Structure formats: C-alpha cells, structure tokens
Protein backbone atom coordinates (compact mmCIF):
# COMPACT_ATOMS: atom_id res chain seq x y z
CA MET A 1 38.85 -101.19 -69.92
CA SER A 2 40.59 -97.94 -68.67
CA VAL A 3 43.59 -97.76 -66.47
CA LEU A 4 41.29 -97.92 -63.43
CA GLY A 5 40.44 -101.60 -64.36
CA THR A 6 44.02 -102.66 -63.00
CA PRO A 7 43.54 -103.60 -59.53
CA TRP A 8 46.26 -101.89 -57.60
CA VAL A 9 45.58 -98.52 -59.79
CA ALA A 10 41.81 -98.90 -58.36
CA ALA A 11 42.91 -99.65 -54.85
CA ALA A 12 45.18 -96.32 -54.86
CA ALA A 13 42.37 -94.51 -56.35
CA ALA A 14 39.96 -95.87 -53.58
CA ARG A 15 42.45 -94.59 -50.94
CA THR A 16 42.55 -91.39 -52.51
CA MET A 17 39.09 -91.05 -52.32
CA GLN A 18 38.73 -92.05 -48.76
CA ALA A 19 41.37 -89.33 -47.58
CA LEU A 20 39.65 -86.83 -49.56
CA ALA A 21 36.09 -87.71 -48.56
CA ALA A 22 37.06 -87.78 -44.80
CA GLY A 23 37.14 -83.83 -44.76
CA ALA A 24 34.35 -83.27 -47.44
CA LEU A 25 31.83 -85.24 -45.48
CA SER A 26 32.36 -83.61 -42.46
CA VAL A 27 31.98 -79.97 -44.25
CA ALA A 28 28.76 -81.25 -46.19
CA ALA A 29 27.21 -82.50 -42.89
CA ARG A 30 28.01 -78.92 -41.27
CA ARG A 31 26.39 -77.21 -44.37
CA ARG A 32 23.38 -79.25 -44.32
CA GLY A 33 22.78 -78.83 -40.78
CA PRO A 34 20.07 -81.05 -38.78
CA VAL A 35 17.84 -82.75 -41.53
CA PHE A 36 15.05 -83.87 -39.03
CA PRO A 37 15.89 -81.76 -35.94
CA LYS A 38 12.61 -82.81 -34.07
CA PHE A 39 13.71 -86.47 -34.11
CA ALA A 40 15.83 -86.39 -31.06
CA GLY A 41 16.13 -89.56 -29.23
CA THR A 42 19.23 -90.73 -27.54
CA THR A 43 22.63 -92.13 -28.96
CA ARG A 44 25.51 -94.00 -27.82
CA GLU A 45 28.61 -95.75 -29.47
CA ILE A 46 29.34 -99.44 -29.07
CA THR A 47 31.96 -101.48 -30.68
CA VAL A 48 30.71 -104.96 -31.87
CA PRO A 49 33.65 -107.78 -31.94
CA THR A 50 34.10 -109.74 -35.21
CA SER A 51 36.61 -111.91 -36.78
CA ILE A 52 37.26 -109.40 -39.36
CA ALA A 53 37.74 -106.28 -37.36
CA PRO A 54 35.93 -104.64 -34.61
CA ALA A 55 33.03 -102.80 -35.94
CA ARG A 56 31.94 -99.40 -34.41
CA ALA A 57 28.41 -98.34 -34.35
CA VAL A 58 26.22 -95.75 -33.35
CA VAL A 59 23.00 -96.93 -31.59
CA TYR A 60 19.83 -94.70 -31.81
CA ARG A 61 17.38 -95.40 -29.04
CA PRO A 62 13.79 -94.15 -29.56
CA CYS A 63 11.76 -92.41 -26.86
CA GLY A 64 8.87 -94.46 -25.34
CA PRO A 65 8.01 -96.73 -22.76
CA ASP A 66 9.20 -99.94 -24.32
CA PRO A 67 12.05 -100.96 -22.46
CA THR A 68 13.18 -103.66 -25.20
CA PRO A 69 12.25 -102.20 -28.69
CA PRO A 70 12.61 -104.24 -31.79
CA VAL A 71 16.15 -103.48 -33.59
CA HIS A 72 17.07 -102.47 -37.06
CA VAL A 73 20.54 -102.72 -38.33
CA ASN A 74 21.93 -100.08 -40.91
CA PHE A 75 24.65 -100.22 -43.36
CA HIS A 76 25.72 -96.76 -44.94
CA GLY A 77 26.67 -96.50 -48.69
CA GLY A 78 30.01 -95.54 -50.50
CA GLY A 79 30.60 -98.18 -53.02
CA TYR A 80 31.98 -100.60 -50.50
CA VAL A 81 35.06 -98.04 -50.41
CA MET A 82 33.87 -94.88 -48.50
CA ARG A 83 33.38 -94.80 -44.89
CA GLY A 84 30.14 -92.62 -44.42
CA ILE A 85 28.30 -93.76 -41.25
CA GLY A 86 27.37 -89.96 -40.33
CA LEU A 87 25.32 -89.51 -43.83
CA ASP A 88 22.81 -91.88 -42.56
CA ASP A 89 22.12 -90.00 -39.28
CA PRO A 90 18.98 -88.47 -40.54
CA LEU A 91 17.88 -92.00 -41.67
CA CYS A 92 18.61 -93.58 -38.45
CA ARG A 93 16.91 -90.72 -36.24
CA TYR A 94 13.90 -91.15 -38.72
CA MET A 95 13.75 -94.71 -38.16
CA ALA A 96 14.06 -94.80 -34.52
CA ALA A 97 11.62 -91.95 -33.87
CA GLU A 98 8.67 -93.25 -36.42
CA ALA A 99 9.39 -97.07 -36.56
CA GLY A 100 10.11 -97.15 -32.80
CA VAL A 101 12.94 -99.32 -33.33
CA VAL A 102 16.43 -99.13 -31.90
CA VAL A 103 18.99 -98.39 -34.80
CA VAL A 104 22.25 -99.92 -35.05
CA ASN A 105 24.28 -97.95 -37.64
CA VAL A 106 27.20 -99.78 -38.72
CA ASP A 107 30.60 -98.36 -39.57
CA TYR A 108 31.78 -101.44 -41.21
CA ALA A 109 35.00 -102.66 -42.86
CA VAL A 110 35.60 -101.29 -46.34
CA ALA A 111 37.93 -101.92 -49.34
CA PRO A 112 40.75 -101.84 -50.32
CA GLN A 113 41.61 -102.56 -46.83
CA HIS A 114 39.20 -105.15 -46.56
CA ARG A 115 38.12 -106.88 -49.98
CA PHE A 116 35.40 -109.40 -50.50
CA PRO A 117 34.44 -111.59 -48.85
CA GLU A 118 35.33 -109.65 -45.56
CA PRO A 119 32.75 -107.06 -45.36
CA PRO A 120 29.76 -109.27 -45.96
CA ARG A 121 31.01 -111.79 -43.47
CA GLN A 122 31.59 -109.02 -40.94
CA ALA A 123 28.09 -107.63 -41.46
CA PHE A 124 26.65 -111.10 -40.92
CA GLU A 125 28.61 -111.36 -37.69
CA VAL A 126 27.41 -108.08 -36.58
CA ILE A 127 23.70 -109.11 -37.39
CA ARG A 128 24.46 -112.22 -35.36
CA TRP A 129 25.81 -110.45 -32.54
CA VAL A 130 23.00 -107.96 -32.48
CA ALA A 131 20.44 -110.66 -32.63
CA GLU A 132 22.20 -112.67 -29.57
CA HIS A 133 22.98 -109.67 -27.27
CA GLY A 134 19.54 -108.02 -27.09
CA ALA A 135 18.93 -108.53 -23.43
CA ARG A 136 22.34 -106.96 -22.42
CA GLN A 137 22.09 -104.11 -24.91
CA GLY A 138 18.48 -103.34 -24.29
CA TRP A 139 16.69 -104.55 -27.64
CA ASP A 140 14.77 -107.24 -28.47
CA GLY A 141 16.94 -109.43 -31.01
CA ALA A 142 14.44 -111.72 -31.91
CA ARG A 143 12.47 -108.81 -33.78
CA LEU A 144 15.50 -107.91 -36.03
CA THR A 145 15.28 -106.20 -39.35
CA VAL A 146 18.26 -105.00 -41.59
CA GLY A 147 18.83 -102.39 -44.28
CA GLY A 148 21.16 -100.27 -46.33
CA GLN A 149 21.57 -97.74 -48.81
CA SER A 150 23.78 -98.51 -52.12
CA ALA A 151 26.59 -100.54 -51.13
CA GLY A 152 24.88 -100.93 -47.57
CA GLY A 153 21.95 -102.30 -49.43
CA GLY A 154 24.49 -105.00 -51.08
CA LEU A 155 25.53 -105.92 -47.67
CA ALA A 156 21.98 -106.34 -46.39
CA ALA A 157 21.39 -108.49 -49.35
CA ALA A 158 24.34 -110.49 -48.29
CA VAL A 159 23.48 -110.62 -44.84
CA ALA A 160 20.05 -111.94 -45.67
CA ARG A 161 21.50 -114.69 -47.83
CA GLN A 162 23.77 -115.91 -45.17
CA ALA A 163 20.96 -115.85 -42.60
CA LEU A 164 18.93 -118.14 -45.27
CA GLU A 165 21.83 -120.55 -45.65
CA GLN A 166 23.09 -120.61 -42.21
CA GLY A 167 19.83 -121.04 -40.45
CA GLY A 168 19.25 -117.70 -38.95
CA PRO A 169 19.13 -115.54 -36.98
CA GLU A 170 15.51 -114.77 -38.23
CA ILE A 171 15.23 -111.47 -40.04
CA ALA A 172 11.85 -109.84 -40.19
CA LEU A 173 12.59 -107.58 -43.29
CA GLN A 174 15.44 -106.54 -45.38
CA VAL A 175 15.46 -102.90 -46.79
CA LEU A 176 17.47 -102.67 -49.94
CA HIS A 177 17.65 -99.04 -51.04
CA TYR A 178 19.21 -98.17 -54.48
CA ALA A 179 21.76 -101.42 -53.97
CA PRO A 180 24.24 -102.43 -56.33
CA LEU A 181 23.08 -106.12 -56.81
CA ASP A 182 25.16 -107.02 -59.99
CA LEU A 183 28.77 -106.55 -60.19
CA VAL A 184 29.16 -108.82 -63.08
CA THR A 185 28.10 -106.20 -65.40
CA PRO A 186 30.19 -103.15 -65.52
CA ALA A 187 28.59 -99.81 -64.72
CA LYS A 188 29.30 -98.36 -68.30
CA GLU A 189 26.98 -101.14 -69.58
CA LYS A 190 24.19 -99.98 -67.22
CA ARG A 191 21.87 -97.78 -69.07
CA ALA A 192 20.04 -94.76 -67.02
CA ALA A 193 17.18 -92.59 -68.03
CA ILE A 194 18.97 -89.52 -68.12
CA ALA A 195 21.88 -88.60 -69.99
CA ARG A 196 24.51 -87.83 -66.75
CA PRO A 197 23.32 -89.84 -63.71
CA MET A 198 25.16 -89.78 -60.51
CA LEU A 199 26.99 -92.97 -60.87
CA ARG A 200 29.93 -92.54 -63.56
CA PRO A 201 31.31 -95.34 -65.15
CA TRP A 202 35.00 -94.53 -63.79
CA MET A 203 33.32 -94.86 -60.09
CA GLY A 204 32.29 -98.37 -60.85
CA GLU A 205 35.68 -99.27 -62.24
CA ILE A 206 37.06 -97.94 -58.83
CA PHE A 207 34.63 -99.28 -56.68
CA ASP A 208 34.37 -102.70 -58.19
CA ASN A 209 37.85 -103.27 -58.94
CA ALA A 210 38.93 -102.10 -55.25
CA TYR A 211 36.28 -104.14 -53.70
CA VAL A 212 36.53 -107.51 -55.96
CA PRO A 213 39.67 -107.23 -58.05
CA ASP A 214 38.91 -110.65 -59.69
CA PRO A 215 36.24 -110.18 -62.31
CA ALA A 216 35.30 -114.03 -62.11
CA VAL A 217 34.53 -113.60 -58.30
CA ARG A 218 31.88 -110.90 -58.99
CA ALA A 219 29.53 -113.45 -59.77
CA ASP A 220 29.13 -114.62 -56.00
CA ARG A 221 25.85 -114.93 -54.57
CA LEU A 222 26.98 -112.43 -52.07
CA VAL A 223 28.01 -109.84 -54.62
CA SER A 224 25.62 -110.38 -57.51
CA PRO A 225 22.46 -111.87 -56.46
CA ALA A 226 20.70 -109.77 -59.53
CA HIS A 227 22.96 -111.52 -62.01
CA PRO A 228 21.35 -114.46 -63.90
CA GLY A 229 24.31 -116.63 -63.05
CA ASP A 230 22.84 -117.09 -59.44
CA THR A 231 20.27 -119.79 -59.61
CA ASP A 232 19.87 -121.01 -56.02
CA ASP A 233 16.69 -121.31 -54.40
CA LEU A 234 15.78 -118.62 -52.41
CA THR A 235 12.52 -119.88 -50.60
CA GLY A 236 12.83 -118.69 -46.93
CA ILE A 237 14.73 -115.77 -47.41
CA ALA A 238 14.05 -112.69 -45.54
CA PRO A 239 10.89 -110.75 -46.77
CA ALA A 240 12.27 -107.57 -48.51
CA LEU A 241 11.28 -104.11 -49.35
CA LEU A 242 13.22 -102.87 -52.38
CA LEU A 243 13.57 -99.43 -53.36
CA THR A 244 15.05 -98.11 -56.44
CA CYS A 245 15.14 -94.68 -58.37
CA GLU A 246 13.95 -93.76 -61.64
CA TYR A 247 17.10 -92.03 -62.84
CA ASP A 248 19.67 -94.26 -61.42
CA ARG A 249 22.02 -96.41 -63.36
CA LEU A 250 21.36 -99.31 -60.73
CA ARG A 251 17.57 -99.42 -61.06
CA ALA A 252 17.71 -102.59 -63.35
CA ASP A 253 19.62 -104.37 -60.75
CA GLY A 254 16.81 -103.80 -58.27
CA GLU A 255 14.28 -104.64 -60.78
CA ARG A 256 15.81 -108.07 -61.69
CA TYR A 257 16.10 -109.04 -57.80
CA ALA A 258 12.73 -107.86 -57.31
CA GLN A 259 11.33 -110.22 -59.73
CA ARG A 260 13.50 -113.10 -58.29
CA LEU A 261 12.29 -112.32 -54.75
CA GLY A 262 8.89 -112.21 -55.99
CA GLN A 263 9.00 -115.61 -57.42
CA VAL A 264 9.60 -117.05 -54.10
CA GLY A 265 7.12 -115.11 -52.17
CA ALA A 266 9.84 -113.06 -50.44
CA LEU A 267 8.92 -109.37 -52.07
CA VAL A 268 6.70 -107.45 -49.52
CA GLN A 269 7.01 -104.31 -51.93
CA HIS A 270 9.05 -102.92 -54.79
CA HIS A 271 9.00 -99.16 -54.82
CA ASP A 272 10.37 -96.99 -57.57
CA VAL A 273 11.15 -93.29 -56.45
CA ALA A 274 9.82 -91.22 -59.07
CA GLY A 275 12.19 -88.34 -60.61
CA ALA A 276 15.03 -89.35 -58.32
CA ASP A 277 18.70 -90.53 -59.05
CA HIS A 278 21.08 -92.61 -56.83
CA ALA A 279 21.67 -91.11 -53.19
CA TYR A 280 18.75 -88.63 -53.87
CA ASP A 281 17.98 -88.64 -50.13
CA MET A 282 21.05 -86.90 -49.52
CA ARG A 283 20.24 -84.04 -51.47
CA ASP A 284 16.41 -83.88 -51.44
CA THR A 285 14.81 -83.68 -47.91
CA GLU A 286 11.24 -83.97 -49.17
CA LYS A 287 11.64 -86.99 -51.05
CA ALA A 288 13.57 -88.54 -48.24
CA ARG A 289 11.11 -88.01 -45.90
CA ARG A 290 8.51 -89.68 -48.20
CA THR A 291 10.58 -92.51 -48.69
CA TYR A 292 11.56 -92.80 -44.97
CA ALA A 293 8.01 -92.89 -43.80
CA LEU A 294 7.57 -95.91 -46.14
CA ILE A 295 10.82 -97.63 -44.83
CA ALA A 296 9.51 -96.82 -41.40
CA HIS A 297 5.89 -98.18 -42.11
CA ARG A 298 7.16 -101.34 -43.62
CA ILE A 299 9.61 -101.83 -40.82
CA ASP A 300 6.74 -101.32 -38.02
CA GLN A 301 4.55 -103.93 -39.89
CA ALA A 302 7.51 -106.34 -39.94
CA VAL A 303 8.25 -106.23 -36.20
CA ARG A 304 4.80 -105.61 -34.86
CA PRO A 305 2.36 -107.75 -37.06
CA PRO A 306 -0.97 -106.76 -36.55
CA THR A 307 -3.21 -109.07 -33.90
CA PRO A 308 -5.82 -111.23 -35.96
CA ASP A 309 -9.49 -110.36 -35.16
CA PRO A 310 -10.85 -113.02 -32.60
C-alpha cells in the first residue's frame, strides 16, 4: 500500500483533485461543444431536500404531448469524489429525447466531505422524493428508472438495493454503466485487457480511501454487491441493464454482478462495449451514441411495456 492508502492523505488528494477538476471540466466541456445538439428539450434546476444535504439537480424535459412522462434519475461518475454533473448533459439530453422521459440529473454529495454511507443514503432519499412528488413536478413517479456511470452506477445499484430492502419505491429498471461494484478488491489487483487502462491503481487508492476509509466497511452491500462476501438474496430487486467495457479495469466487477442478478431473474441484459475503456463515452461520440440508444430503448421498454395482444 502506498501513502495514498492513508485516509487523511487520500482525503487531501481528493480535495486537490476536486479543486483542479472544477476548472478543467468547464474547459473540457467548452472544447467539446454540444455533443447531441439536435436534442434540445428544456431544462430547469431544482433542489431536492434530503437529511444529508440539499441535492441540486438539473431536470431535462422531453418535447412531446405527454403531460406527465416517466422519469429517469441519473447519477454522474467521478469515483465518489468528483463533482461532474455537466459531463452527463449529452446522456441526459439523449435519454429525454429518445426515451421520452424526464431526466433528473443529480449533483449528489461526494467524499471526503460526505463519506459512506451518506452518498447512497442521500441518493435513495432523492429517488424516494422523485417517486412521491411527480404530480407537482410534472412527471410520473410511478414509472421510475435509475442509472449512472462509474461511481454513479454504484450509487444506482445501492439505490435499487435499498428499495428492495425498504419495500419501494418501485424501480422499473436500474442502468449500471461501467460501475465499480467491488471496493473490497483493490484497483491494482483488478486486471484489464490492455496495458494502460484509464483507471490507474493510484486513482483507486484515492477514491476508495476518501470514500470508505475503513477497509472492513468496503464489504458493505451498498458498496460491494459484486464481492463474494455479499450473499443476501436479491430476489425482487429492480431489473437491470448492466454495461461493461472490454478494456476496463472494472469489467470483472460488472460481469460478476450480472451473473448474480441473472441467478434471481433480474438481469434484463448484460452488454459489453467492444473496444472501449472506462468513461469511453466522454471521448468517443459514435460509441456513446450506440450505447445511449441501447439504454434509451431499454428504458422505454421498462416504462412503456407493450400491450399484450387480445
């Protein structure tokens, strides 16, 4: 273990990364420009009250005649440390336009300011609020899906687990996109299909130690549902679309969790993105478009099931 394995060092490094990323993400977004400019729609900001902290969110509303569309809640990536709600703007615009759903893109609490278990608890409170306030906000909270990229996918999995344990709200689909689902196993022990994958071991040390400083706690079911130590029965958990990347260090996490979900009939589809590494959709627009189309299709199927033939 390097010095980054020391919790206070990891926390300091995480705060430094947050400060540096604030400006870098803004510059990157300007350079990239609009990714899917034809998907206009409308946006507005809301604040969701939670016991952890108020959660800012951007709401994307689709064009169309439906006054109360289904709703999809999105959690961005960033190792549970970085704030990056703007990076998911292309995804959210695409989902609103192509799946015809309201998308609530959540700027959730991050570590080290808010360590585990606060982020998954806040995320679940957001989901519960979204489900309960649809009439006032203009969406159908009874037709609810949840998803996220990277750490956001981990939070989406934790939300689905809490909904299972607490008897709701009902989630029609959970979308887990290159998610970290096993923090018990250090990043340096996770093998990738290429020599230099995007996620480096030092990143894992910072993220894991800033988010869950106590290694013993990383076996918690809301952190590591893909680790063999979690043996709870998942029967009844929300159906899942699970996406992994061929070159990603986290691919095995997703494969193990897909197998586990499949054993209880909760796996809608496991799709491995060929020739892609972690966060590929931030760099490869064409690959992103193909994957987003799959996600939109599965969300649409989940919230608008086909009418059975008479």
